[in-house]
Amino acid sequence: MVSNTADAIRTVAELRPDVILVDVELGPESGFDLAERLDEAAHSTAVILISTHAEQDLAELISVSPAVGFVSKSELSAGAIRELLRDRDANEGDHAAAVSEPRGR
């Protein structure tokens, strides 16, 4: 976990994750701003915005964001993340799995 936008960008550049979850409220900073900065930096990381706020309250901001999508914290699960990524891949014509299924325990 990182504490600010600068740390997030540095960490994404270093670790190159497939997906990051970004809270829309990052204290004095905005998760929407972080999504924009990552997009401008040409990181291929998929950004999924999360919040305790309802999606309809943020719909306009979400629609203009470069994020893959939005998941309410109350609905947040591995399945919800995989579904957003599958939808993105289907819309982009990419048939490769973006995130692997969880391993058996």
PDB file of N, CA and C in Angstrom:
ATOM      1  N   MET A   1       0.851  -1.162   0.000  1.00  0.00           N
ATOM      2  CA  MET A   1       0.000   0.000   0.000  1.00  0.00           C
ATOM      3  C   MET A   1       0.903   1.234   0.000  1.00  0.00           C
ATOM      4  N   VAL A   2       0.495   2.250  -0.743  1.00  0.00           N
ATOM      5  CA  VAL A   2       1.248   3.501  -0.814  1.00  0.00           C
ATOM      6  C   VAL A   2       0.422   4.618  -0.203  1.00  0.00           C
ATOM      7  N   SER A   3       1.105   5.713   0.147  1.00  0.00           N
ATOM      8  CA  SER A   3       0.418   6.776   0.878  1.00  0.00           C
ATOM      9  C   SER A   3       0.106   8.016   0.053  1.00  0.00           C
ATOM     10  N   ASN A   4       0.653   8.111  -1.168  1.00  0.00           N
ATOM     11  CA  ASN A   4       0.359   9.288  -1.988  1.00  0.00           C
ATOM     12  C   ASN A   4       0.578   8.954  -3.465  1.00  0.00           C
ATOM     13  N   THR A   5       0.195   9.896  -4.310  1.00  0.00           N
ATOM     14  CA  THR A   5       0.262   9.690  -5.757  1.00  0.00           C
ATOM     15  C   THR A   5       1.687   9.456  -6.242  1.00  0.00           C
ATOM     16  N   ALA A   6       2.629  10.232  -5.742  1.00  0.00           N
ATOM     17  CA  ALA A   6       4.030  10.075  -6.173  1.00  0.00           C
ATOM     18  C   ALA A   6       4.546   8.681  -5.838  1.00  0.00           C
ATOM     19  N   ASP A   7       4.254   8.198  -4.633  1.00  0.00           N
ATOM     20  CA  ASP A   7       4.669   6.849  -4.251  1.00  0.00           C
ATOM     21  C   ASP A   7       3.993   5.800  -5.128  1.00  0.00           C
ATOM     22  N   ALA A   8       2.728   6.023  -5.445  1.00  0.00           N
ATOM     23  CA  ALA A   8       2.000   5.072  -6.286  1.00  0.00           C
ATOM     24  C   ALA A   8       2.631   4.968  -7.670  1.00  0.00           C
ATOM     25  N   ILE A   9       2.941   6.097  -8.262  1.00  0.00           N
ATOM     26  CA  ILE A   9       3.540   6.085  -9.602  1.00  0.00           C
ATOM     27  C   ILE A   9       4.910   5.423  -9.575  1.00  0.00           C
ATOM     28  N   ARG A  10       5.685   5.725  -8.576  1.00  0.00           N
ATOM     29  CA  ARG A  10       7.012   5.110  -8.431  1.00  0.00           C
ATOM     30  C   ARG A  10       6.881   3.590  -8.239  1.00  0.00           C
ATOM     31  N   THR A  11       5.942   3.171  -7.407  1.00  0.00           N
ATOM     32  CA  THR A  11       5.754   1.748  -7.129  1.00  0.00           C
ATOM     33  C   THR A  11       5.246   1.002  -8.363  1.00  0.00           C
ATOM     34  N   VAL A  12       4.318   1.594  -9.102  1.00  0.00           N
ATOM     35  CA  VAL A  12       3.826   0.967 -10.332  1.00  0.00           C
ATOM     36  C   VAL A  12       4.961   0.819 -11.341  1.00  0.00           C
ATOM     37  N   ALA A  13       5.793   1.839 -11.468  1.00  0.00           N
ATOM     38  CA  ALA A  13       6.927   1.763 -12.404  1.00  0.00           C
ATOM     39  C   ALA A  13       7.905   0.671 -11.984  1.00  0.00           C
ATOM     40  N   GLU A  14       8.081   0.504 -10.699  1.00  0.00           N
ATOM     41  CA  GLU A  14       9.024  -0.493 -10.184  1.00  0.00           C
ATOM     42  C   GLU A  14       8.474  -1.912 -10.269  1.00  0.00           C
ATOM     43  N   LEU A  15       7.225  -2.108  -9.830  1.00  0.00           N
ATOM     44  CA  LEU A  15       6.654  -3.450  -9.737  1.00  0.00           C
ATOM     45  C   LEU A  15       5.917  -3.905 -10.989  1.00  0.00           C
ATOM     46  N   ARG A  16       5.432  -2.966 -11.796  1.00  0.00           N
ATOM     47  CA  ARG A  16       4.721  -3.242 -13.032  1.00  0.00           C
ATOM     48  C   ARG A  16       3.577  -4.244 -12.839  1.00  0.00           C
ATOM     49  N   PRO A  17       2.658  -3.936 -11.923  1.00  0.00           N
ATOM     50  CA  PRO A  17       1.534  -4.857 -11.686  1.00  0.00           C
ATOM     51  C   PRO A  17       0.566  -4.858 -12.864  1.00  0.00           C
ATOM     52  N   ASP A  18      -0.191  -5.932 -12.986  1.00  0.00           N
ATOM     53  CA  ASP A  18      -1.222  -6.015 -14.025  1.00  0.00           C
ATOM     54  C   ASP A  18      -2.404  -5.119 -13.684  1.00  0.00           C
ATOM     55  N   VAL A  19      -2.733  -5.033 -12.383  1.00  0.00           N
ATOM     56  CA  VAL A  19      -3.917  -4.327 -11.922  1.00  0.00           C
ATOM     57  C   VAL A  19      -3.598  -3.604 -10.615  1.00  0.00           C
ATOM     58  N   ILE A  20      -4.166  -2.395 -10.461  1.00  0.00           N
ATOM     59  CA  ILE A  20      -4.123  -1.740  -9.160  1.00  0.00           C
ATOM     60  C   ILE A  20      -5.515  -1.230  -8.816  1.00  0.00           C
ATOM     61  N   LEU A  21      -5.823  -1.309  -7.539  1.00  0.00           N
ATOM     62  CA  LEU A  21      -7.078  -0.761  -7.027  1.00  0.00           C
ATOM     63  C   LEU A  21      -6.763   0.601  -6.448  1.00  0.00           C
ATOM     64  N   VAL A  22      -7.530   1.596  -6.853  1.00  0.00           N
ATOM     65  CA  VAL A  22      -7.290   2.968  -6.425  1.00  0.00           C
ATOM     66  C   VAL A  22      -8.556   3.531  -5.804  1.00  0.00           C
ATOM     67  N   ASP A  23      -8.465   3.909  -4.539  1.00  0.00           N
ATOM     68  CA  ASP A  23      -9.599   4.552  -3.884  1.00  0.00           C
ATOM     69  C   ASP A  23      -9.763   5.934  -4.502  1.00  0.00           C
ATOM     70  N   VAL A  24     -11.000   6.316  -4.791  1.00  0.00           N
ATOM     71  CA  VAL A  24     -11.216   7.626  -5.404  1.00  0.00           C
ATOM     72  C   VAL A  24     -10.862   8.761  -4.440  1.00  0.00           C
ATOM     73  N   GLU A  25     -10.852   8.467  -3.151  1.00  0.00           N
ATOM     74  CA  GLU A  25     -10.474   9.468  -2.154  1.00  0.00           C
ATOM     75  C   GLU A  25      -9.141   9.078  -1.537  1.00  0.00           C
ATOM     76  N   LEU A  26      -8.112   9.807  -1.906  1.00  0.00           N
ATOM     77  CA  LEU A  26      -6.768   9.548  -1.399  1.00  0.00           C
ATOM     78  C   LEU A  26      -6.340  10.666  -0.460  1.00  0.00           C
ATOM     79  N   GLY A  27      -7.192  11.043   0.438  1.00  0.00           N
ATOM     80  CA  GLY A  27      -6.888  12.170   1.313  1.00  0.00           C
ATOM     81  C   GLY A  27      -6.925  13.444   0.494  1.00  0.00           C
ATOM     82  N   PRO A  28      -5.837  14.200   0.504  1.00  0.00           N
ATOM     83  CA  PRO A  28      -5.834  15.453  -0.254  1.00  0.00           C
ATOM     84  C   PRO A  28      -5.737  15.248  -1.770  1.00  0.00           C
ATOM     85  N   GLU A  29      -5.433  14.028  -2.198  1.00  0.00           N
ATOM     86  CA  GLU A  29      -5.297  13.739  -3.618  1.00  0.00           C
ATOM     87  C   GLU A  29      -6.513  12.947  -4.098  1.00  0.00           C
ATOM     88  N   SER A  30      -6.660  12.823  -5.386  1.00  0.00           N
ATOM     89  CA  SER A  30      -7.790  12.122  -5.974  1.00  0.00           C
ATOM     90  C   SER A  30      -7.336  10.864  -6.702  1.00  0.00           C
ATOM     91  N   GLY A  31      -8.094   9.796  -6.536  1.00  0.00           N
ATOM     92  CA  GLY A  31      -7.820   8.582  -7.291  1.00  0.00           C
ATOM     93  C   GLY A  31      -8.001   8.791  -8.787  1.00  0.00           C
ATOM     94  N   PHE A  32      -8.891   9.713  -9.147  1.00  0.00           N
ATOM     95  CA  PHE A  32      -9.074  10.043 -10.559  1.00  0.00           C
ATOM     96  C   PHE A  32      -7.805  10.683 -11.126  1.00  0.00           C
ATOM     97  N   ASP A  33      -7.173  11.553 -10.326  1.00  0.00           N
ATOM     98  CA  ASP A  33      -5.918  12.180 -10.752  1.00  0.00           C
ATOM     99  C   ASP A  33      -4.822  11.136 -10.918  1.00  0.00           C
ATOM    100  N   LEU A  34      -4.752  10.192  -9.999  1.00  0.00           N
ATOM    101  CA  LEU A  34      -3.751   9.130 -10.108  1.00  0.00           C
ATOM    102  C   LEU A  34      -3.979   8.305 -11.365  1.00  0.00           C
ATOM    103  N   ALA A  35      -5.223   7.954 -11.654  1.00  0.00           N
ATOM    104  CA  ALA A  35      -5.520   7.190 -12.874  1.00  0.00           C
ATOM    105  C   ALA A  35      -5.058   7.952 -14.111  1.00  0.00           C
ATOM    106  N   GLU A  36      -5.295   9.262 -14.142  1.00  0.00           N
ATOM    107  CA  GLU A  36      -4.845  10.105 -15.268  1.00  0.00           C
ATOM    108  C   GLU A  36      -3.325  10.104 -15.382  1.00  0.00           C
ATOM    109  N   ARG A  37      -2.654  10.276 -14.262  1.00  0.00           N
ATOM    110  CA  ARG A  37      -1.185  10.333 -14.285  1.00  0.00           C
ATOM    111  C   ARG A  37      -0.586   9.011 -14.746  1.00  0.00           C
ATOM    112  N   LEU A  38      -1.149   7.908 -14.312  1.00  0.00           N
ATOM    113  CA  LEU A  38      -0.651   6.606 -14.767  1.00  0.00           C
ATOM    114  C   LEU A  38      -0.884   6.432 -16.260  1.00  0.00           C
ATOM    115  N   ASP A  39      -2.030   6.873 -16.741  1.00  0.00           N
ATOM    116  CA  ASP A  39      -2.335   6.796 -18.166  1.00  0.00           C
ATOM    117  C   ASP A  39      -1.367   7.660 -18.971  1.00  0.00           C
ATOM    118  N   GLU A  40      -1.104   8.871 -18.494  1.00  0.00           N
ATOM    119  CA  GLU A  40      -0.180   9.779 -19.180  1.00  0.00           C
ATOM    120  C   GLU A  40       1.247   9.231 -19.194  1.00  0.00           C
ATOM    121  N   ALA A  41       1.593   8.478 -18.155  1.00  0.00           N
ATOM    122  CA  ALA A  41       2.936   7.902 -18.076  1.00  0.00           C
ATOM    123  C   ALA A  41       3.044   6.621 -18.898  1.00  0.00           C
ATOM    124  N   ALA A  42       1.970   6.257 -19.585  1.00  0.00           N
ATOM    125  CA  ALA A  42       1.932   5.089 -20.474  1.00  0.00           C
ATOM    126  C   ALA A  42       2.200   3.785 -19.740  1.00  0.00           C
ATOM    127  N   HIS A  43       1.758   3.704 -18.490  1.00  0.00           N
ATOM    128  CA  HIS A  43       1.837   2.431 -17.774  1.00  0.00           C
ATOM    129  C   HIS A  43       0.718   1.548 -18.283  1.00  0.00           C
ATOM    130  N   SER A  44       1.005   0.282 -18.473  1.00  0.00           N
ATOM    131  CA  SER A  44      -0.014  -0.625 -18.997  1.00  0.00           C
ATOM    132  C   SER A  44      -0.845  -1.254 -17.879  1.00  0.00           C
ATOM    133  N   THR A  45      -0.667  -0.784 -16.674  1.00  0.00           N
ATOM    134  CA  THR A  45      -1.413  -1.289 -15.527  1.00  0.00           C
ATOM    135  C   THR A  45      -2.882  -0.905 -15.629  1.00  0.00           C
ATOM    136  N   ALA A  46      -3.754  -1.863 -15.423  1.00  0.00           N
ATOM    137  CA  ALA A  46      -5.194  -1.597 -15.404  1.00  0.00           C
ATOM    138  C   ALA A  46      -5.549  -0.984 -14.053  1.00  0.00           C
ATOM    139  N   VAL A  47      -6.206   0.164 -14.078  1.00  0.00           N
ATOM    140  CA  VAL A  47      -6.627   0.835 -12.855  1.00  0.00           C
ATOM    141  C   VAL A  47      -8.111   0.577 -12.642  1.00  0.00           C
ATOM    142  N   ILE A  48      -8.441   0.093 -11.461  1.00  0.00           N
ATOM    143  CA  ILE A  48      -9.832  -0.084 -11.069  1.00  0.00           C
ATOM    144  C   ILE A  48     -10.087   0.845  -9.895  1.00  0.00           C
ATOM    145  N   LEU A  49     -11.045   1.726 -10.064  1.00  0.00           N
ATOM    146  CA  LEU A  49     -11.402   2.678  -9.017  1.00  0.00           C
ATOM    147  C   LEU A  49     -12.341   2.005  -8.025  1.00  0.00           C
ATOM    148  N   ILE A  50     -12.136   2.299  -6.742  1.00  0.00           N
ATOM    149  CA  ILE A  50     -12.996   1.760  -5.698  1.00  0.00           C
ATOM    150  C   ILE A  50     -13.416   2.896  -4.769  1.00  0.00           C
ATOM    151  N   SER A  51     -14.559   2.719  -4.114  1.00  0.00           N
ATOM    152  CA  SER A  51     -15.029   3.736  -3.184  1.00  0.00           C
ATOM    153  C   SER A  51     -16.178   3.200  -2.355  1.00  0.00           C
ATOM    154  N   THR A  52     -16.421   3.863  -1.232  1.00  0.00           N
ATOM    155  CA  THR A  52     -17.619   3.574  -0.445  1.00  0.00           C
ATOM    156  C   THR A  52     -18.814   4.310  -1.029  1.00  0.00           C
ATOM    157  N   HIS A  53     -18.568   5.291  -1.886  1.00  0.00           N
ATOM    158  CA  HIS A  53     -19.644   6.030  -2.545  1.00  0.00           C
ATOM    159  C   HIS A  53     -20.290   5.148  -3.607  1.00  0.00           C
ATOM    160  N   ALA A  54     -21.546   5.409  -3.894  1.00  0.00           N
ATOM    161  CA  ALA A  54     -22.256   4.677  -4.936  1.00  0.00           C
ATOM    162  C   ALA A  54     -21.729   5.076  -6.308  1.00  0.00           C
ATOM    163  N   GLU A  55     -21.723   4.125  -7.230  1.00  0.00           N
ATOM    164  CA  GLU A  55     -21.221   4.379  -8.582  1.00  0.00           C
ATOM    165  C   GLU A  55     -21.967   5.529  -9.248  1.00  0.00           C
ATOM    166  N   GLN A  56     -23.283   5.604  -9.067  1.00  0.00           N
ATOM    167  CA  GLN A  56     -24.043   6.670  -9.724  1.00  0.00           C
ATOM    168  C   GLN A  56     -23.634   8.049  -9.219  1.00  0.00           C
ATOM    169  N   ASP A  57     -23.120   8.142  -7.991  1.00  0.00           N
ATOM    170  CA  ASP A  57     -22.651   9.432  -7.473  1.00  0.00           C
ATOM    171  C   ASP A  57     -21.390   9.901  -8.184  1.00  0.00           C
ATOM    172  N   LEU A  58     -20.647   8.967  -8.755  1.00  0.00           N
ATOM    173  CA  LEU A  58     -19.367   9.273  -9.390  1.00  0.00           C
ATOM    174  C   LEU A  58     -19.387   9.007 -10.890  1.00  0.00           C
ATOM    175  N   ALA A  59     -20.542   8.697 -11.430  1.00  0.00           N
ATOM    176  CA  ALA A  59     -20.652   8.221 -12.815  1.00  0.00           C
ATOM    177  C   ALA A  59     -19.971   9.137 -13.826  1.00  0.00           C
ATOM    178  N   GLU A  60     -20.161  10.430 -13.704  1.00  0.00           N
ATOM    179  CA  GLU A  60     -19.560  11.346 -14.675  1.00  0.00           C
ATOM    180  C   GLU A  60     -18.037  11.294 -14.623  1.00  0.00           C
ATOM    181  N   LEU A  61     -17.478  11.303 -13.422  1.00  0.00           N
ATOM    182  CA  LEU A  61     -16.021  11.244 -13.272  1.00  0.00           C
ATOM    183  C   LEU A  61     -15.467   9.905 -13.741  1.00  0.00           C
ATOM    184  N   ILE A  62     -16.182   8.832 -13.449  1.00  0.00           N
ATOM    185  CA  ILE A  62     -15.747   7.501 -13.883  1.00  0.00           C
ATOM    186  C   ILE A  62     -15.742   7.418 -15.403  1.00  0.00           C
ATOM    187  N   SER A  63     -16.760   7.972 -16.043  1.00  0.00           N
ATOM    188  CA  SER A  63     -16.886   7.856 -17.499  1.00  0.00           C
ATOM    189  C   SER A  63     -15.760   8.559 -18.257  1.00  0.00           C
ATOM    190  N   VAL A  64     -15.188   9.600 -17.690  1.00  0.00           N
ATOM    191  CA  VAL A  64     -14.099  10.307 -18.374  1.00  0.00           C
ATOM    192  C   VAL A  64     -12.726   9.864 -17.881  1.00  0.00           C
ATOM    193  N   SER A  65     -12.697   8.959 -16.944  1.00  0.00           N
ATOM    194  CA  SER A  65     -11.439   8.460 -16.400  1.00  0.00           C
ATOM    195  C   SER A  65     -10.850   7.374 -17.306  1.00  0.00           C
ATOM    196  N   PRO A  66      -9.531   7.265 -17.346  1.00  0.00           N
ATOM    197  CA  PRO A  66      -8.921   6.170 -18.106  1.00  0.00           C
ATOM    198  C   PRO A  66      -8.960   4.835 -17.362  1.00  0.00           C
ATOM    199  N   ALA A  67      -9.573   4.809 -16.189  1.00  0.00           N
ATOM    200  CA  ALA A  67      -9.658   3.570 -15.415  1.00  0.00           C
ATOM    201  C   ALA A  67     -10.494   2.528 -16.166  1.00  0.00           C
ATOM    202  N   VAL A  68     -10.207   1.273 -15.908  1.00  0.00           N
ATOM    203  CA  VAL A  68     -10.940   0.161 -16.499  1.00  0.00           C
ATOM    204  C   VAL A  68     -12.394   0.192 -16.057  1.00  0.00           C
ATOM    205  N   GLY A  69     -12.608   0.584 -14.822  1.00  0.00           N
ATOM    206  CA  GLY A  69     -13.958   0.625 -14.302  1.00  0.00           C
ATOM    207  C   GLY A  69     -13.972   0.945 -12.825  1.00  0.00           C
ATOM    208  N   PHE A  70     -15.112   0.679 -12.216  1.00  0.00           N
ATOM    209  CA  PHE A  70     -15.358   1.022 -10.824  1.00  0.00           C
ATOM    210  C   PHE A  70     -16.008  -0.163 -10.122  1.00  0.00           C
ATOM    211  N   VAL A  71     -15.599  -0.386  -8.866  1.00  0.00           N
ATOM    212  CA  VAL A  71     -16.245  -1.385  -8.022  1.00  0.00           C
ATOM    213  C   VAL A  71     -16.468  -0.748  -6.659  1.00  0.00           C
ATOM    214  N   SER A  72     -17.697  -0.816  -6.190  1.00  0.00           N
ATOM    215  CA  SER A  72     -18.000  -0.339  -4.850  1.00  0.00           C
ATOM    216  C   SER A  72     -17.263  -1.219  -3.845  1.00  0.00           C
ATOM    217  N   LYS A  73     -16.785  -0.630  -2.762  1.00  0.00           N
ATOM    218  CA  LYS A  73     -16.079  -1.425  -1.760  1.00  0.00           C
ATOM    219  C   LYS A  73     -16.963  -2.529  -1.193  1.00  0.00           C
ATOM    220  N   SER A  74     -18.264  -2.288  -1.133  1.00  0.00           N
ATOM    221  CA  SER A  74     -19.158  -3.322  -0.611  1.00  0.00           C
ATOM    222  C   SER A  74     -19.292  -4.499  -1.578  1.00  0.00           C
ATOM    223  N   GLU A  75     -18.955  -4.299  -2.850  1.00  0.00           N
ATOM    224  CA  GLU A  75     -19.040  -5.349  -3.868  1.00  0.00           C
ATOM    225  C   GLU A  75     -17.663  -5.871  -4.282  1.00  0.00           C
ATOM    226  N   LEU A  76     -16.616  -5.362  -3.663  1.00  0.00           N
ATOM    227  CA  LEU A  76     -15.250  -5.687  -4.068  1.00  0.00           C
ATOM    228  C   LEU A  76     -14.929  -7.151  -3.796  1.00  0.00           C
ATOM    229  N   SER A  77     -14.500  -7.834  -4.844  1.00  0.00           N
ATOM    230  CA  SER A  77     -14.107  -9.239  -4.748  1.00  0.00           C
ATOM    231  C   SER A  77     -13.201  -9.564  -5.927  1.00  0.00           C
ATOM    232  N   ALA A  78     -12.533 -10.693  -5.836  1.00  0.00           N
ATOM    233  CA  ALA A  78     -11.698 -11.130  -6.955  1.00  0.00           C
ATOM    234  C   ALA A  78     -12.553 -11.336  -8.197  1.00  0.00           C
ATOM    235  N   GLY A  79     -13.752 -11.858  -8.014  1.00  0.00           N
ATOM    236  CA  GLY A  79     -14.651 -12.078  -9.140  1.00  0.00           C
ATOM    237  C   GLY A  79     -15.051 -10.780  -9.823  1.00  0.00           C
ATOM    238  N   ALA A  80     -15.326  -9.744  -9.037  1.00  0.00           N
ATOM    239  CA  ALA A  80     -15.700  -8.446  -9.610  1.00  0.00           C
ATOM    240  C   ALA A  80     -14.536  -7.861 -10.409  1.00  0.00           C
ATOM    241  N   ILE A  81     -13.336  -8.035  -9.908  1.00  0.00           N
ATOM    242  CA  ILE A  81     -12.147  -7.544 -10.615  1.00  0.00           C
ATOM    243  C   ILE A  81     -11.959  -8.306 -11.923  1.00  0.00           C
ATOM    244  N   ARG A  82     -12.039  -9.631 -11.855  1.00  0.00           N
ATOM    245  CA  ARG A  82     -11.892 -10.435 -13.075  1.00  0.00           C
ATOM    246  C   ARG A  82     -12.949 -10.076 -14.106  1.00  0.00           C
ATOM    247  N   GLU A  83     -14.188  -9.845 -13.660  1.00  0.00           N
ATOM    248  CA  GLU A  83     -15.262  -9.494 -14.586  1.00  0.00           C
ATOM    249  C   GLU A  83     -14.969  -8.183 -15.306  1.00  0.00           C
ATOM    250  N   LEU A  84     -14.506  -7.168 -14.587  1.00  0.00           N
ATOM    251  CA  LEU A  84     -14.154  -5.893 -15.230  1.00  0.00           C
ATOM    252  C   LEU A  84     -13.050  -6.094 -16.258  1.00  0.00           C
ATOM    253  N   LEU A  85     -12.058  -6.889 -15.910  1.00  0.00           N
ATOM    254  CA  LEU A  85     -10.939  -7.117 -16.825  1.00  0.00           C
ATOM    255  C   LEU A  85     -11.370  -7.934 -18.040  1.00  0.00           C
ATOM    256  N   ARG A  86     -12.246  -8.900 -17.841  1.00  0.00           N
ATOM    257  CA  ARG A  86     -12.770  -9.675 -18.982  1.00  0.00           C
ATOM    258  C   ARG A  86     -13.575  -8.780 -19.912  1.00  0.00           C
ATOM    259  N   ASP A  87     -14.393  -7.901 -19.322  1.00  0.00           N
ATOM    260  CA  ASP A  87     -15.168  -6.963 -20.141  1.00  0.00           C
ATOM    261  C   ASP A  87     -14.249  -6.062 -20.941  1.00  0.00           C
ATOM    262  N   ARG A  88     -13.192  -5.567 -20.299  1.00  0.00           N
ATOM    263  CA  ARG A  88     -12.236  -4.705 -20.997  1.00  0.00           C
ATOM    264  C   ARG A  88     -11.574  -5.468 -22.132  1.00  0.00           C
ATOM    265  N   ASP A  89     -11.132  -6.684 -21.856  1.00  0.00           N
ATOM    266  CA  ASP A  89     -10.456  -7.472 -22.878  1.00  0.00           C
ATOM    267  C   ASP A  89     -11.382  -7.795 -24.039  1.00  0.00           C
ATOM    268  N   ALA A  90     -12.642  -8.087 -23.743  1.00  0.00           N
ATOM    269  CA  ALA A  90     -13.605  -8.378 -24.805  1.00  0.00           C
ATOM    270  C   ALA A  90     -13.830  -7.151 -25.675  1.00  0.00           C
ATOM    271  N   ASN A  91     -13.872  -5.983 -25.058  1.00  0.00           N
ATOM    272  CA  ASN A  91     -14.076  -4.743 -25.808  1.00  0.00           C
ATOM    273  C   ASN A  91     -12.855  -4.360 -26.628  1.00  0.00           C
ATOM    274  N   GLU A  92     -11.679  -4.799 -26.189  1.00  0.00           N
ATOM    275  CA  GLU A  92     -10.448  -4.485 -26.919  1.00  0.00           C
ATOM    276  C   GLU A  92     -10.061  -5.607 -27.866  1.00  0.00           C
ATOM    277  N   GLY A  93     -10.797  -6.703 -27.840  1.00  0.00           N
ATOM    278  CA  GLY A  93     -10.469  -7.822 -28.714  1.00  0.00           C
ATOM    279  C   GLY A  93      -9.307  -8.647 -28.217  1.00  0.00           C
ATOM    280  N   ASP A  94      -8.892  -8.456 -26.977  1.00  0.00           N
ATOM    281  CA  ASP A  94      -7.784  -9.214 -26.400  1.00  0.00           C
ATOM    282  C   ASP A  94      -8.356 -10.444 -25.720  1.00  0.00           C
ATOM    283  N   HIS A  95      -8.016 -11.613 -26.207  1.00  0.00           N
ATOM    284  CA  HIS A  95      -8.580 -12.839 -25.658  1.00  0.00           C
ATOM    285  C   HIS A  95      -7.694 -13.459 -24.594  1.00  0.00           C
ATOM    286  N   ALA A  96      -6.563 -12.877 -24.299  1.00  0.00           N
ATOM    287  CA  ALA A  96      -5.702 -13.392 -23.241  1.00  0.00           C
ATOM    288  C   ALA A  96      -6.286 -13.038 -21.895  1.00  0.00           C
ATOM    289  N   ALA A  97      -6.121 -13.922 -20.935  1.00  0.00           N
ATOM    290  CA  ALA A  97      -6.619 -13.645 -19.578  1.00  0.00           C
ATOM    291  C   ALA A  97      -5.741 -12.595 -18.924  1.00  0.00           C
ATOM    292  N   ALA A  98      -6.357 -11.536 -18.454  1.00  0.00           N
ATOM    293  CA  ALA A  98      -5.611 -10.458 -17.830  1.00  0.00           C
ATOM    294  C   ALA A  98      -5.178 -10.812 -16.422  1.00  0.00           C
ATOM    295  N   VAL A  99      -5.992 -11.560 -15.726  1.00  0.00           N
ATOM    296  CA  VAL A  99      -5.677 -11.968 -14.360  1.00  0.00           C
ATOM    297  C   VAL A  99      -6.001 -13.449 -14.260  1.00  0.00           C
ATOM    298  N   SER A 100      -5.085 -14.205 -13.701  1.00  0.00           N
ATOM    299  CA  SER A 100      -5.313 -15.622 -13.597  1.00  0.00           C
ATOM    300  C   SER A 100      -6.352 -15.939 -12.535  1.00  0.00           C
ATOM    301  N   GLU A 101      -6.951 -17.084 -12.679  1.00  0.00           N
ATOM    302  CA  GLU A 101      -7.897 -17.557 -11.670  1.00  0.00           C
ATOM    303  C   GLU A 101      -7.119 -17.857 -10.403  1.00  0.00           C
ATOM    304  N   PRO A 102      -7.772 -17.773  -9.249  1.00  0.00           N
ATOM    305  CA  PRO A 102      -7.061 -18.078  -8.003  1.00  0.00           C
ATOM    306  C   PRO A 102      -6.617 -19.534  -7.973  1.00  0.00           C
ATOM    307  N   ARG A 103      -5.488 -19.760  -7.354  1.00  0.00           N
ATOM    308  CA  ARG A 103      -4.972 -21.119  -7.234  1.00  0.00           C
ATOM    309  C   ARG A 103      -5.735 -21.852  -6.134  1.00  0.00           C
ATOM    310  N   GLY A 104      -5.874 -23.160  -6.298  1.00  0.00           N
ATOM    311  CA  GLY A 104      -6.507 -23.972  -5.256  1.00  0.00           C
ATOM    312  C   GLY A 104      -5.698 -23.933  -3.981  1.00  0.00           C
ATOM    313  N   ARG A 105      -6.355 -24.063  -2.877  1.00  0.00           N
ATOM    314  CA  ARG A 105      -5.655 -24.014  -1.574  1.00  0.00           C
ATOM    315  C   ARG A 105      -5.406 -25.389  -1.066  1.00  0.00           C
TER     316      ARG A 105
END
